[in-house]
Structures are given as C-alpha cells and as structure tokens.
Amino acid sequence: AEAALVPGGKSRLALLLMDMIKRAAGTTKTDIENIFRTANQKLEAQQLISRVTTSLQETTKSIAGTDYAQSVIRASGVELDRVLRTLRVQMENGPIDDLSANGLGYNNLLYMAVILEHLKVPDADECPLLLVEEPEAHLHPQLTMLLAEYLANQVPGGKSPQTIVTTHSPTLAASIPPSRVHVLFTDTSKNVSRCNSIANAGMDESEEMALQRMLDITRATLYFAKGVILVEGISESLLLPVLAKHLNHDLAKLHVSVIPICGVAFETFSKLLHPDALGIPAAFITDADPPIKEGKTWEEDLPESEKGIFKISDRTAGLVQLFSNHDTVKIYHSQVTLEYDLAEAGDPNASLMVDVWKDCFKGSPGTFNSQRLDAVGNDRRDKALCTWRGICRASHSGSKAEFAQRLATRLEQSGKNRKQDLPFEVPKYIKDAIEFVVSKVKLPTQSEEVGGK
C-alpha cells in the first residue's frame, strides 16, 4: 500500500487524478499546470533559491565546460503527468505526516480509499468490481468494524463498486449482515468444496437482525468452523472444551467452535444451519428443564418424572421436534439441568463439584456443602438432586458461571499431568454431542499436512 501511494510513476493517486482530469470538462488540466508554473516562478525568484541557483550554475559550468546546460531549482515540471507524479497523500496536523510513519493497517485503508475513489467514475459500459484479500491485515478491531460497515453499506451500482472480500476475521464477519456472507468450506460427507450463501437460509429481516446481534466477535467464529456445538449459556461454553479433552478430543485443533446462543430463537439456527446455508455439522446442547414439583422448601423440590424418567419441558420437546429431520443438526438434552447431570454422571463427580462450589464463596456455602452431600448417602441420583437443589433451586449469592469456570480450570489443570488426573465422568448427553460433531470433522492425514506445507 505504501509503495503504491508514494510519488512516482506507479502512484495510484496519480492514476486516479489523471483519469479524473481526462473525464473532467473545461480547463482543469491547464489550471493545474498554471498553479505549478506560478509556484515555480515564485520559487525561482525567492532570494535564497535565486542565489543558490546562480552559484550552482557557475559551479556546474566550471565542471562541465562545453557540455554545460543551465540548471534551475523547481518544485516540479509543469507538464501534467509530471505534476501528478509528485503529489502524495499526507496526514494533516500529525507530528509526522509521511506515509512511512503510519501503521501498515492505516496505509491499507488509504490505499483502499484511493481505489474506491477511482472506481466511482466508471465508463458507461463498465461494472466496477473491487476484490480485497483480508482487509483486516494490520488493522485494530475498531477500524476493522468500521471498514466492514462501510463496505457492507455501499449498494453496488452508480458510484459504488461491487466488493468481494475474503477474510479470516471474526471481527469483520460479525460486522456484516449475515445475508451478505458466503462461506467456503469442505463438505466432508461428500468430500467436495462448497460455497454457500447465508442468504439461502431464508431468514426474514427480524431473524437476520437477531442473528447479527448475537454474532459478536466470539460467536462469529461460527462462520469459520468445521463443526459447531451450540449451548445455552456461558457455563456450558466454559466447560465443553475441557470435557472434550477428557474424551481425548481437542476441539480447537478440530476447528469445532463452542458457541453460547444466549436466547436467540432456535428457529433462526434451523435456517442458518440448513445444508443450503452454512451446512456444517452442529449439535445443540440444552437442558431438559422438566416441570418442578415444589415442596414446602427448596430442599424438597423434585423434577417431575414418569416411570422413573424425568419429563422434559415443552420448550425442549419443541426443539427436538424442530430438528427431528434436520440433515446436519442433532439435539442433545440433559435429564434435568447441566448441574444435575454433571453430578449424576459418575460417582466421584458430586464430591469434586461440592469442593469447587465452596471455592466460589469466602465462607462456607449453606445450600450445597460437604455436610449436605454426605447426608444423602452414596446413591448417585440422590447426590445429583442434592447438587441441583443447592445450586439451582436455593437462594444464594453464588454464580453458576463462576462455578463452571472454576470447575473447568480444576479439570484442565489436572489434565496437564495425567498422573494426577481427577476422576470425572462426562454426562452421556454431552459426550454424545461431542462425538457426533467430532465424527463429522476429519483431521488431515499426514500426507495432506505435508502437501499443504
């Protein structure tokens, strides 16, 4: 960008101005040349310049002899092409106004601005097209967002070129209306490359707006993932990558994103994840949230069940039905909630959870502690109910998100030293969800990795 903007024969600014002048009517060319002609005359008449010019001529004549040609000091030749090759874009009022003092990212912006200006004046039979590879290079996130919004708001036609941008930036992707996004990916089921338009998802305006509100920088990794696990909130998103490592799956290396949807309508994702839209394998992890038979106190609350199996809420049942015939999405729900199922999954789980829960408080928590857990005995279901009641039903000052973060940290730290691995079982519904997505995402073989290098 800097090389294309500095004065010289290859200056993009000079090319832009030359084209503009050719299209302009009237005396533009003569006016510019006269400005420089007058400037040169005033410069040559200036006392210091005049004295140095005379001395320079005398010295040159003494050296050159009969080859002497009179020299002058001027700003530029007055021919238009020479004038334009001397012009430069500078930052006004800065401590250093030269392009070399700018960051690479800002010079990229200036370069794009010059190109866009050039494309604003097409001939009648031209359809301007701007291709930009990774415009986020060297830009800080705020400038990346502003650039994305600018490009997305320029409707092609007239003075606005059609723009095609390739990017690996979630920041940029999150700033673009989803209907403008096209995703290039490998369809592992058919082993072919595909480019799908999110516009094919068939979302209406309100759905698209809701989706864009949800797609902050973190969640916009969805566009770049090979597979995705969608969860309800921050607790699941903190735990899932660590639980996956307990199953010997590194989701980051597999390019599988774990994304909390935080209240966005599931119907929107049904459209977004359709094979004709995003099309990547996806698993929804959600709570069953069965109806609760409330006791006299929270200690007696009990999820409703039938023949020993907990019922599921209408919301969860509707979600299962919505995706029952979906080609790329599967639904996996807990028996009750995340906390219940974590405790019920294995004999040692509840003991570790009560220890982690204690770390969330300065003192000893009253609703879920070792004494309460020991009092219910060794039955795994009873321990899970004790955990669920103390964390999810009782009134306390604890944070479920902090608990999930501390539990994830404890498990991850233990996993770094296999000799000290904490015994902890992954709930079946979470294990099944992880295995479903991982099975659809293929790691490159060794020969493919070498070929890629």
Protein backbone atom coordinates (compact mmCIF):
# COMPACT_ATOMS: atom_id res chain seq x y z
CA ALA A 1 0.00 0.00 0.00
CA GLU A 2 2.76 2.45 0.93
CA ALA A 3 4.66 1.75 -2.30
CA ALA A 4 1.53 2.38 -4.36
CA LEU A 5 0.82 5.72 -2.68
CA VAL A 6 4.23 7.38 -2.66
CA PRO A 7 5.03 9.83 -5.50
CA GLY A 8 6.33 8.26 -8.69
CA GLY A 9 5.35 6.68 -11.97
CA LYS A 10 3.34 3.91 -10.29
CA SER A 11 1.42 6.15 -7.93
CA ARG A 12 -2.24 5.09 -7.65
CA LEU A 13 -3.10 8.65 -6.70
CA ALA A 14 -1.56 9.91 -9.96
CA LEU A 15 -3.54 7.35 -11.97
CA LEU A 16 -6.75 8.35 -10.20
CA LEU A 17 -6.20 12.06 -10.80
CA MET A 18 -5.20 11.55 -14.43
CA ASP A 19 -8.41 9.64 -15.12
CA MET A 20 -10.47 12.26 -13.28
CA ILE A 21 -8.87 15.07 -15.30
CA LYS A 22 -9.47 13.28 -18.59
CA ARG A 23 -13.16 12.95 -17.72
CA ALA A 24 -13.48 16.48 -16.42
CA ALA A 25 -14.68 19.20 -18.76
CA GLY A 26 -13.20 22.68 -19.02
CA THR A 27 -9.73 23.92 -18.17
CA THR A 28 -8.78 21.54 -15.32
CA LYS A 29 -5.51 20.43 -16.95
CA THR A 30 -4.41 23.98 -17.75
CA ASP A 31 -5.45 25.25 -14.31
CA ILE A 32 -3.28 22.67 -12.50
CA GLU A 33 -0.29 23.29 -14.77
CA ASN A 34 -0.62 27.06 -14.25
CA ILE A 35 -0.62 26.58 -10.46
CA PHE A 36 2.73 24.81 -10.67
CA ARG A 37 4.09 27.22 -13.28
CA THR A 38 3.32 30.17 -10.98
CA ALA A 39 4.72 28.28 -7.96
CA ASN A 40 7.99 27.62 -9.81
CA GLN A 41 8.28 31.24 -10.86
CA LYS A 42 7.81 32.40 -7.27
CA LEU A 43 10.24 29.79 -6.03
CA GLU A 44 12.94 30.79 -8.53
CA ALA A 45 12.50 34.45 -7.58
CA GLN A 46 12.95 33.78 -3.87
CA GLN A 47 16.26 35.30 -2.70
CA LEU A 48 17.86 32.19 -1.24
CA ILE A 49 16.76 29.94 -4.11
CA SER A 50 17.93 32.52 -6.67
CA ARG A 51 21.35 32.86 -5.02
CA VAL A 52 21.85 29.07 -4.75
CA THR A 53 20.72 28.64 -8.39
CA THR A 54 23.27 31.18 -9.65
CA SER A 55 26.08 29.63 -7.63
CA LEU A 56 25.07 26.13 -8.76
CA GLN A 57 25.10 27.23 -12.41
CA GLU A 58 28.60 28.70 -12.05
CA THR A 59 29.96 25.55 -10.39
CA THR A 60 28.35 23.29 -12.97
CA LYS A 61 29.71 25.43 -15.85
CA SER A 62 33.21 25.22 -14.42
CA ILE A 63 32.99 21.43 -14.22
CA ALA A 64 31.09 20.69 -17.46
CA GLY A 65 32.86 23.04 -19.82
CA THR A 66 31.35 22.90 -23.31
CA ASP A 67 28.77 20.30 -22.13
CA TYR A 68 27.25 22.83 -19.79
CA ALA A 69 23.45 23.13 -19.71
CA GLN A 70 21.79 25.68 -17.48
CA SER A 71 20.19 24.20 -14.34
CA VAL A 72 17.30 25.55 -12.26
CA ILE A 73 15.65 24.68 -8.92
CA ARG A 74 11.94 23.96 -9.29
CA ALA A 75 9.25 22.09 -7.40
CA SER A 76 8.23 20.12 -10.48
CA GLY A 77 7.98 20.22 -14.21
CA VAL A 78 4.77 21.89 -15.26
CA GLU A 79 3.60 19.10 -17.58
CA LEU A 80 0.51 17.50 -16.04
CA ASP A 81 1.81 13.93 -15.79
CA ARG A 82 4.95 15.17 -14.02
CA VAL A 83 2.89 17.28 -11.65
CA LEU A 84 0.63 14.37 -10.71
CA ARG A 85 3.57 12.04 -10.06
CA THR A 86 4.82 14.44 -7.36
CA LEU A 87 1.57 14.51 -5.37
CA ARG A 88 1.12 12.43 -2.26
CA VAL A 89 -1.48 11.64 0.40
CA GLN A 90 -0.40 13.03 3.75
CA MET A 91 -1.85 13.03 7.25
CA GLU A 92 -2.66 16.60 8.16
CA ASN A 93 -1.77 18.05 11.55
CA GLY A 94 0.07 14.94 12.70
CA PRO A 95 3.51 15.03 14.34
CA ILE A 96 4.86 13.16 11.27
CA ASP A 97 2.88 13.42 8.07
CA ASP A 98 4.76 10.97 5.87
CA LEU A 99 3.15 7.66 4.92
CA SER A 100 6.07 5.72 6.34
CA ALA A 101 5.11 6.99 9.78
CA ASN A 102 1.62 5.44 9.56
CA GLY A 103 0.78 1.92 10.65
CA LEU A 104 0.52 -0.63 7.87
CA GLY A 105 -3.19 -1.02 8.54
CA TYR A 106 -3.95 2.66 8.11
CA ASN A 107 -1.96 2.82 4.90
CA ASN A 108 -4.02 -0.12 3.67
CA LEU A 109 -7.15 1.91 4.40
CA LEU A 110 -5.78 4.91 2.50
CA TYR A 111 -4.91 2.69 -0.42
CA MET A 112 -8.42 1.18 -0.47
CA ALA A 113 -9.92 4.66 -0.28
CA VAL A 114 -7.92 5.75 -3.36
CA ILE A 115 -9.01 2.63 -5.25
CA LEU A 116 -12.65 3.19 -4.27
CA GLU A 117 -12.44 6.78 -5.48
CA HIS A 118 -11.06 5.54 -8.79
CA LEU A 119 -13.95 3.09 -9.17
CA LYS A 120 -16.54 5.80 -8.54
CA VAL A 121 -16.10 7.15 -12.05
CA PRO A 122 -16.65 4.20 -14.39
CA ASP A 123 -17.29 4.49 -18.09
CA ALA A 124 -20.84 3.90 -19.21
CA ASP A 125 -20.15 0.27 -20.19
CA GLU A 126 -18.15 -0.61 -17.05
CA CYS A 127 -19.28 -2.53 -13.96
CA PRO A 128 -16.65 -1.78 -11.28
CA LEU A 129 -15.56 -4.69 -9.10
CA LEU A 130 -13.27 -4.41 -6.07
CA LEU A 131 -11.58 -7.57 -4.80
CA VAL A 132 -9.90 -7.33 -1.39
CA GLU A 133 -8.00 -10.13 0.29
CA GLU A 134 -8.04 -9.95 4.08
CA PRO A 135 -8.58 -6.19 4.53
CA GLU A 136 -8.27 -6.69 8.29
CA ALA A 137 -4.49 -7.14 7.97
CA HIS A 138 -2.70 -4.85 10.47
CA LEU A 139 -5.97 -3.11 11.47
CA HIS A 140 -7.08 -2.87 15.08
CA PRO A 141 -10.60 -4.27 15.73
CA GLN A 142 -12.40 -0.91 15.79
CA LEU A 143 -11.08 0.09 12.36
CA THR A 144 -11.90 -3.39 11.06
CA MET A 145 -15.52 -2.97 12.17
CA LEU A 146 -15.76 0.49 10.60
CA LEU A 147 -14.31 -0.77 7.33
CA ALA A 148 -16.72 -3.72 7.26
CA GLU A 149 -19.71 -1.50 7.93
CA TYR A 150 -18.64 0.93 5.21
CA LEU A 151 -18.19 -1.77 2.58
CA ALA A 152 -21.42 -3.51 3.56
CA ASN A 153 -23.46 -0.31 3.33
CA GLN A 154 -22.29 0.55 -0.19
CA VAL A 155 -25.01 -0.71 -2.55
CA PRO A 156 -23.40 -1.67 -5.88
CA GLY A 157 -24.35 0.50 -8.83
CA GLY A 158 -23.78 4.11 -9.74
CA LYS A 159 -20.69 5.29 -7.89
CA SER A 160 -20.33 2.19 -5.69
CA PRO A 161 -18.45 -0.84 -7.00
CA GLN A 162 -19.44 -4.35 -6.10
CA THR A 163 -16.97 -5.50 -3.45
CA ILE A 164 -15.88 -9.06 -2.72
CA VAL A 165 -13.82 -9.53 0.43
CA THR A 166 -12.09 -12.68 1.65
CA THR A 167 -11.41 -12.78 5.37
CA HIS A 168 -10.48 -14.92 8.36
CA SER A 169 -11.53 -12.19 10.80
CA PRO A 170 -14.47 -12.84 13.15
CA THR A 171 -14.43 -9.10 13.88
CA LEU A 172 -15.11 -8.30 10.24
CA ALA A 173 -17.59 -11.14 9.75
CA ALA A 174 -19.57 -10.09 12.83
CA SER A 175 -19.97 -6.59 11.38
CA ILE A 176 -21.53 -7.77 8.11
CA PRO A 177 -25.25 -8.53 7.69
CA PRO A 178 -25.50 -12.35 7.56
CA SER A 179 -27.25 -12.24 4.18
CA ARG A 180 -24.06 -10.73 2.70
CA VAL A 181 -21.87 -13.60 3.94
CA HIS A 182 -20.76 -16.53 1.77
CA VAL A 183 -18.96 -19.41 3.46
CA LEU A 184 -16.40 -21.57 1.65
CA PHE A 185 -15.96 -24.94 3.32
CA THR A 186 -15.36 -28.63 2.75
CA ASP A 187 -18.45 -30.80 2.79
CA THR A 188 -16.94 -33.86 4.49
CA SER A 189 -19.97 -36.02 3.75
CA LYS A 190 -19.31 -35.67 0.01
CA ASN A 191 -15.62 -34.69 0.17
CA VAL A 192 -16.20 -31.63 -2.02
CA SER A 193 -15.63 -27.90 -1.59
CA ARG A 194 -18.73 -25.75 -1.37
CA CYS A 195 -19.52 -22.07 -1.21
CA ASN A 196 -22.88 -21.40 0.42
CA SER A 197 -24.65 -18.09 0.77
CA ILE A 198 -26.25 -17.37 4.16
CA ALA A 199 -28.94 -15.57 2.16
CA ASN A 200 -30.16 -19.04 1.18
CA ALA A 201 -31.15 -19.65 4.81
CA GLY A 202 -34.43 -17.86 4.14
CA MET A 203 -34.37 -15.69 7.27
CA ASP A 204 -36.71 -12.73 7.38
CA GLU A 205 -35.45 -9.27 8.38
CA SER A 206 -36.18 -9.66 12.09
CA GLU A 207 -34.45 -13.05 12.23
CA GLU A 208 -31.41 -11.71 10.43
CA MET A 209 -31.21 -8.73 12.79
CA ALA A 210 -31.47 -11.04 15.82
CA LEU A 211 -28.74 -13.26 14.45
CA GLN A 212 -26.40 -10.34 13.80
CA ARG A 213 -26.94 -9.04 17.34
CA MET A 214 -25.89 -12.44 18.61
CA LEU A 215 -22.85 -12.73 16.34
CA ASP A 216 -20.33 -10.81 18.37
CA ILE A 217 -16.65 -11.42 17.68
CA THR A 218 -16.54 -14.68 19.64
CA ARG A 219 -19.68 -16.22 18.16
CA ALA A 220 -18.77 -15.15 14.63
CA THR A 221 -16.18 -17.94 14.68
CA LEU A 222 -19.21 -19.97 13.61
CA TYR A 223 -18.54 -18.81 10.04
CA PHE A 224 -15.02 -20.26 10.11
CA ALA A 225 -15.67 -23.53 11.96
CA LYS A 226 -15.71 -27.03 10.51
CA GLY A 227 -18.27 -28.02 13.12
CA VAL A 228 -20.16 -26.31 15.93
CA ILE A 229 -21.60 -27.17 19.33
CA LEU A 230 -24.31 -24.68 20.32
CA VAL A 231 -25.02 -24.34 24.03
CA GLU A 232 -27.45 -22.28 26.07
CA GLY A 233 -25.09 -20.09 28.04
CA ILE A 234 -21.68 -19.25 29.36
CA SER A 235 -21.48 -22.17 31.82
CA GLU A 236 -21.66 -24.80 29.09
CA SER A 237 -19.32 -22.86 26.79
CA LEU A 238 -16.67 -22.77 29.54
CA LEU A 239 -16.93 -26.47 30.31
CA LEU A 240 -17.38 -28.09 26.89
CA PRO A 241 -13.79 -27.72 25.57
CA VAL A 242 -12.38 -29.14 28.81
CA LEU A 243 -14.86 -32.02 28.92
CA ALA A 244 -13.99 -32.77 25.30
CA LYS A 245 -10.31 -33.07 26.27
CA HIS A 246 -11.38 -35.57 28.93
CA LEU A 247 -12.71 -37.58 25.95
CA ASN A 248 -9.38 -37.08 24.11
CA HIS A 249 -10.78 -34.56 21.64
CA ASP A 250 -9.17 -31.15 21.17
CA LEU A 251 -11.99 -29.06 19.73
CA ALA A 252 -9.67 -26.19 18.81
CA LYS A 253 -7.45 -28.43 16.69
CA LEU A 254 -10.54 -29.90 15.07
CA HIS A 255 -11.83 -26.38 14.28
CA VAL A 256 -15.00 -27.03 16.24
CA SER A 257 -16.49 -23.92 17.85
CA VAL A 258 -18.48 -23.96 21.08
CA ILE A 259 -20.93 -21.09 20.93
CA PRO A 260 -23.43 -19.87 23.56
CA ILE A 261 -26.60 -18.74 21.81
CA CYS A 262 -27.92 -16.76 24.80
CA GLY A 263 -31.58 -16.57 23.93
CA VAL A 264 -31.64 -16.37 20.13
CA ALA A 265 -34.59 -18.25 18.64
CA PHE A 266 -33.71 -21.80 17.69
CA GLU A 267 -35.76 -21.45 14.52
CA THR A 268 -33.20 -18.94 13.25
CA PHE A 269 -30.44 -21.51 13.66
CA SER A 270 -32.55 -24.14 11.93
CA LYS A 271 -32.40 -21.94 8.84
CA LEU A 272 -28.79 -20.85 9.26
CA LEU A 273 -27.52 -24.42 9.62
CA HIS A 274 -29.50 -25.78 6.69
CA PRO A 275 -27.29 -27.61 4.15
CA ASP A 276 -28.03 -24.88 1.60
CA ALA A 277 -26.83 -22.18 4.02
CA LEU A 278 -23.97 -22.86 6.44
CA GLY A 279 -24.23 -26.62 6.19
CA ILE A 280 -21.63 -27.65 8.80
CA PRO A 281 -22.36 -30.39 11.35
CA ALA A 282 -23.88 -28.99 14.53
CA ALA A 283 -25.04 -30.24 17.91
CA PHE A 284 -27.38 -28.39 20.24
CA ILE A 285 -26.82 -29.00 23.94
CA THR A 286 -29.72 -27.88 26.09
CA ASP A 287 -31.35 -28.51 29.45
CA ALA A 288 -34.44 -30.70 29.67
CA ASP A 289 -35.87 -28.33 32.30
CA PRO A 290 -38.61 -30.74 33.47
CA PRO A 291 -41.61 -29.32 35.34
CA ILE A 292 -40.84 -28.97 39.05
CA LYS A 293 -42.98 -30.38 41.84
CA GLU A 294 -42.30 -27.80 44.52
CA GLY A 295 -42.04 -28.88 48.13
CA LYS A 296 -42.54 -26.83 51.25
CA THR A 297 -38.93 -25.65 50.87
CA TRP A 298 -36.34 -25.79 48.10
CA GLU A 299 -34.86 -28.83 49.83
CA GLU A 300 -37.95 -30.83 48.84
CA ASP A 301 -38.27 -29.64 45.24
CA LEU A 302 -38.32 -32.51 42.76
CA PRO A 303 -38.32 -32.67 38.95
CA GLU A 304 -41.44 -34.41 37.69
CA SER A 305 -40.93 -37.91 36.32
CA GLU A 306 -42.89 -40.74 34.79
CA LYS A 307 -41.90 -44.37 35.31
CA GLY A 308 -38.58 -43.23 36.72
CA ILE A 309 -37.73 -40.99 33.74
CA PHE A 310 -37.75 -37.23 34.10
CA LYS A 311 -40.18 -35.37 31.89
CA ILE A 312 -38.89 -32.71 29.53
CA SER A 313 -40.22 -29.19 29.17
CA ASP A 314 -42.41 -28.13 26.28
CA ARG A 315 -39.56 -25.92 25.08
CA THR A 316 -37.14 -28.83 24.89
CA ALA A 317 -39.73 -31.11 23.30
CA GLY A 318 -40.43 -28.45 20.68
CA LEU A 319 -36.70 -28.11 19.98
CA VAL A 320 -36.34 -31.87 19.48
CA GLN A 321 -39.30 -31.84 17.12
CA LEU A 322 -37.99 -28.83 15.19
CA PHE A 323 -34.73 -30.57 14.34
CA SER A 324 -36.04 -34.15 14.16
CA ASN A 325 -35.47 -34.38 10.40
CA HIS A 326 -32.60 -31.91 10.05
CA ASP A 327 -29.74 -33.12 7.87
CA THR A 328 -26.85 -31.56 9.76
CA VAL A 329 -28.14 -30.78 13.29
CA LYS A 330 -28.75 -33.07 16.27
CA ILE A 331 -30.30 -32.19 19.65
CA TYR A 332 -28.86 -33.48 22.91
CA HIS A 333 -30.56 -32.62 26.19
CA SER A 334 -29.85 -33.28 29.84
CA GLN A 335 -32.07 -35.25 32.18
CA VAL A 336 -32.68 -32.15 34.29
CA THR A 337 -30.05 -29.38 34.06
CA LEU A 338 -26.32 -29.17 33.45
CA GLU A 339 -25.55 -29.19 37.19
CA TYR A 340 -27.77 -32.22 37.91
CA ASP A 341 -26.36 -34.25 35.03
CA LEU A 342 -22.76 -33.38 35.87
CA ALA A 343 -23.26 -34.71 39.40
CA GLU A 344 -25.21 -37.79 38.27
CA ALA A 345 -22.75 -38.86 35.54
CA GLY A 346 -20.24 -40.57 37.84
CA ASP A 347 -19.66 -41.48 41.49
CA PRO A 348 -16.78 -39.00 42.07
CA ASN A 349 -18.39 -36.06 40.28
CA ALA A 350 -20.53 -34.61 43.07
CA SER A 351 -17.62 -34.63 45.55
CA LEU A 352 -15.46 -32.60 43.19
CA MET A 353 -18.34 -30.25 42.43
CA VAL A 354 -19.05 -29.51 46.10
CA ASP A 355 -15.36 -28.75 46.61
CA VAL A 356 -15.34 -26.35 43.64
CA TRP A 357 -18.63 -24.73 44.74
CA LYS A 358 -17.04 -23.95 48.13
CA ASP A 359 -14.28 -22.01 46.33
CA CYS A 360 -16.91 -19.61 44.98
CA PHE A 361 -17.57 -18.27 48.49
CA LYS A 362 -15.48 -16.53 51.11
CA GLY A 363 -17.04 -18.64 53.82
CA SER A 364 -18.80 -21.98 53.75
CA PRO A 365 -21.85 -22.09 51.45
CA GLY A 366 -25.06 -23.07 53.19
CA THR A 367 -27.14 -24.56 50.39
CA PHE A 368 -24.60 -27.02 48.95
CA ASN A 369 -21.71 -28.25 51.03
CA SER A 370 -19.94 -31.44 52.07
CA GLN A 371 -22.19 -31.99 55.08
CA ARG A 372 -25.35 -31.88 52.97
CA LEU A 373 -23.82 -34.13 50.34
CA ASP A 374 -22.63 -36.70 52.90
CA ALA A 375 -26.09 -36.71 54.50
CA VAL A 376 -27.82 -38.07 51.37
CA GLY A 377 -25.64 -41.19 51.22
CA ASN A 378 -23.99 -42.85 48.26
CA ASP A 379 -26.88 -43.07 45.80
CA ARG A 380 -25.80 -41.19 42.69
CA ARG A 381 -29.30 -39.88 41.95
CA ASP A 382 -29.70 -38.55 45.49
CA LYS A 383 -26.33 -36.80 45.28
CA ALA A 384 -27.33 -35.26 41.96
CA LEU A 385 -30.59 -33.98 43.45
CA CYS A 386 -28.67 -32.51 46.40
CA THR A 387 -26.36 -30.74 43.95
CA TRP A 388 -29.22 -29.48 41.80
CA ARG A 389 -31.25 -28.22 44.74
CA GLY A 390 -28.29 -26.45 46.36
CA ILE A 391 -27.09 -24.75 43.17
CA CYS A 392 -30.22 -24.32 41.03
CA ARG A 393 -33.17 -24.15 43.42
CA ALA A 394 -31.89 -22.48 46.58
CA SER A 395 -31.37 -18.76 47.06
CA HIS A 396 -27.67 -17.96 47.41
CA SER A 397 -25.03 -15.45 46.33
CA GLY A 398 -23.09 -17.88 44.18
CA SER A 399 -22.68 -17.66 40.40
CA LYS A 400 -23.23 -20.71 38.21
CA ALA A 401 -20.94 -19.18 35.58
CA GLU A 402 -18.14 -18.75 38.13
CA PHE A 403 -18.70 -22.31 39.31
CA ALA A 404 -18.41 -23.59 35.72
CA GLN A 405 -15.24 -21.59 35.19
CA ARG A 406 -13.64 -22.88 38.39
CA LEU A 407 -14.65 -26.46 37.59
CA ALA A 408 -13.23 -26.15 34.07
CA THR A 409 -9.99 -24.73 35.47
CA ARG A 410 -9.69 -27.55 38.02
CA LEU A 411 -10.25 -30.21 35.37
CA GLU A 412 -7.91 -28.57 32.89
CA GLN A 413 -5.10 -28.20 35.41
CA SER A 414 -5.40 -31.84 36.39
CA GLY A 415 -5.37 -32.88 32.74
CA LYS A 416 -1.94 -31.34 32.23
CA ASN A 417 -0.48 -34.04 34.44
CA ARG A 418 -2.00 -37.41 33.65
CA LYS A 419 -0.69 -38.91 36.88
CA GLN A 420 -2.93 -36.51 38.79
CA ASP A 421 -5.99 -36.69 36.55
CA LEU A 422 -9.12 -36.03 38.58
CA PRO A 423 -11.67 -38.81 38.19
CA PHE A 424 -14.63 -37.16 36.50
CA GLU A 425 -17.23 -38.65 34.19
CA VAL A 426 -18.68 -36.67 31.28
CA PRO A 427 -22.51 -36.76 31.15
CA LYS A 428 -23.78 -39.01 28.37
CA TYR A 429 -25.71 -36.30 26.51
CA ILE A 430 -22.62 -34.06 26.39
CA LYS A 431 -20.41 -36.98 25.36
CA ASP A 432 -22.83 -37.95 22.57
CA ALA A 433 -22.99 -34.36 21.29
CA ILE A 434 -19.21 -34.04 21.18
CA GLU A 435 -18.79 -37.42 19.49
CA PHE A 436 -21.42 -36.56 16.87
CA VAL A 437 -19.67 -33.38 15.73
CA VAL A 438 -16.16 -34.79 16.02
CA SER A 439 -17.12 -37.81 13.91
CA LYS A 440 -18.16 -35.44 11.11
CA VAL A 441 -14.93 -33.44 11.18
CA LYS A 442 -11.91 -35.13 9.64
CA LEU A 443 -8.36 -34.31 10.61
CA PRO A 444 -5.98 -34.14 7.62
CA THR A 445 -3.80 -37.17 7.11
CA GLN A 446 -0.05 -36.82 7.45
CA SER A 447 0.36 -36.76 3.65
CA GLU A 448 -2.23 -33.98 3.37
CA GLU A 449 -0.42 -31.94 6.03
CA VAL A 450 2.88 -32.28 4.17
CA GLY A 451 1.23 -31.39 0.88
CA GLY A 452 -0.36 -28.35 2.47
CA LYS A 453 3.02 -27.06 3.59
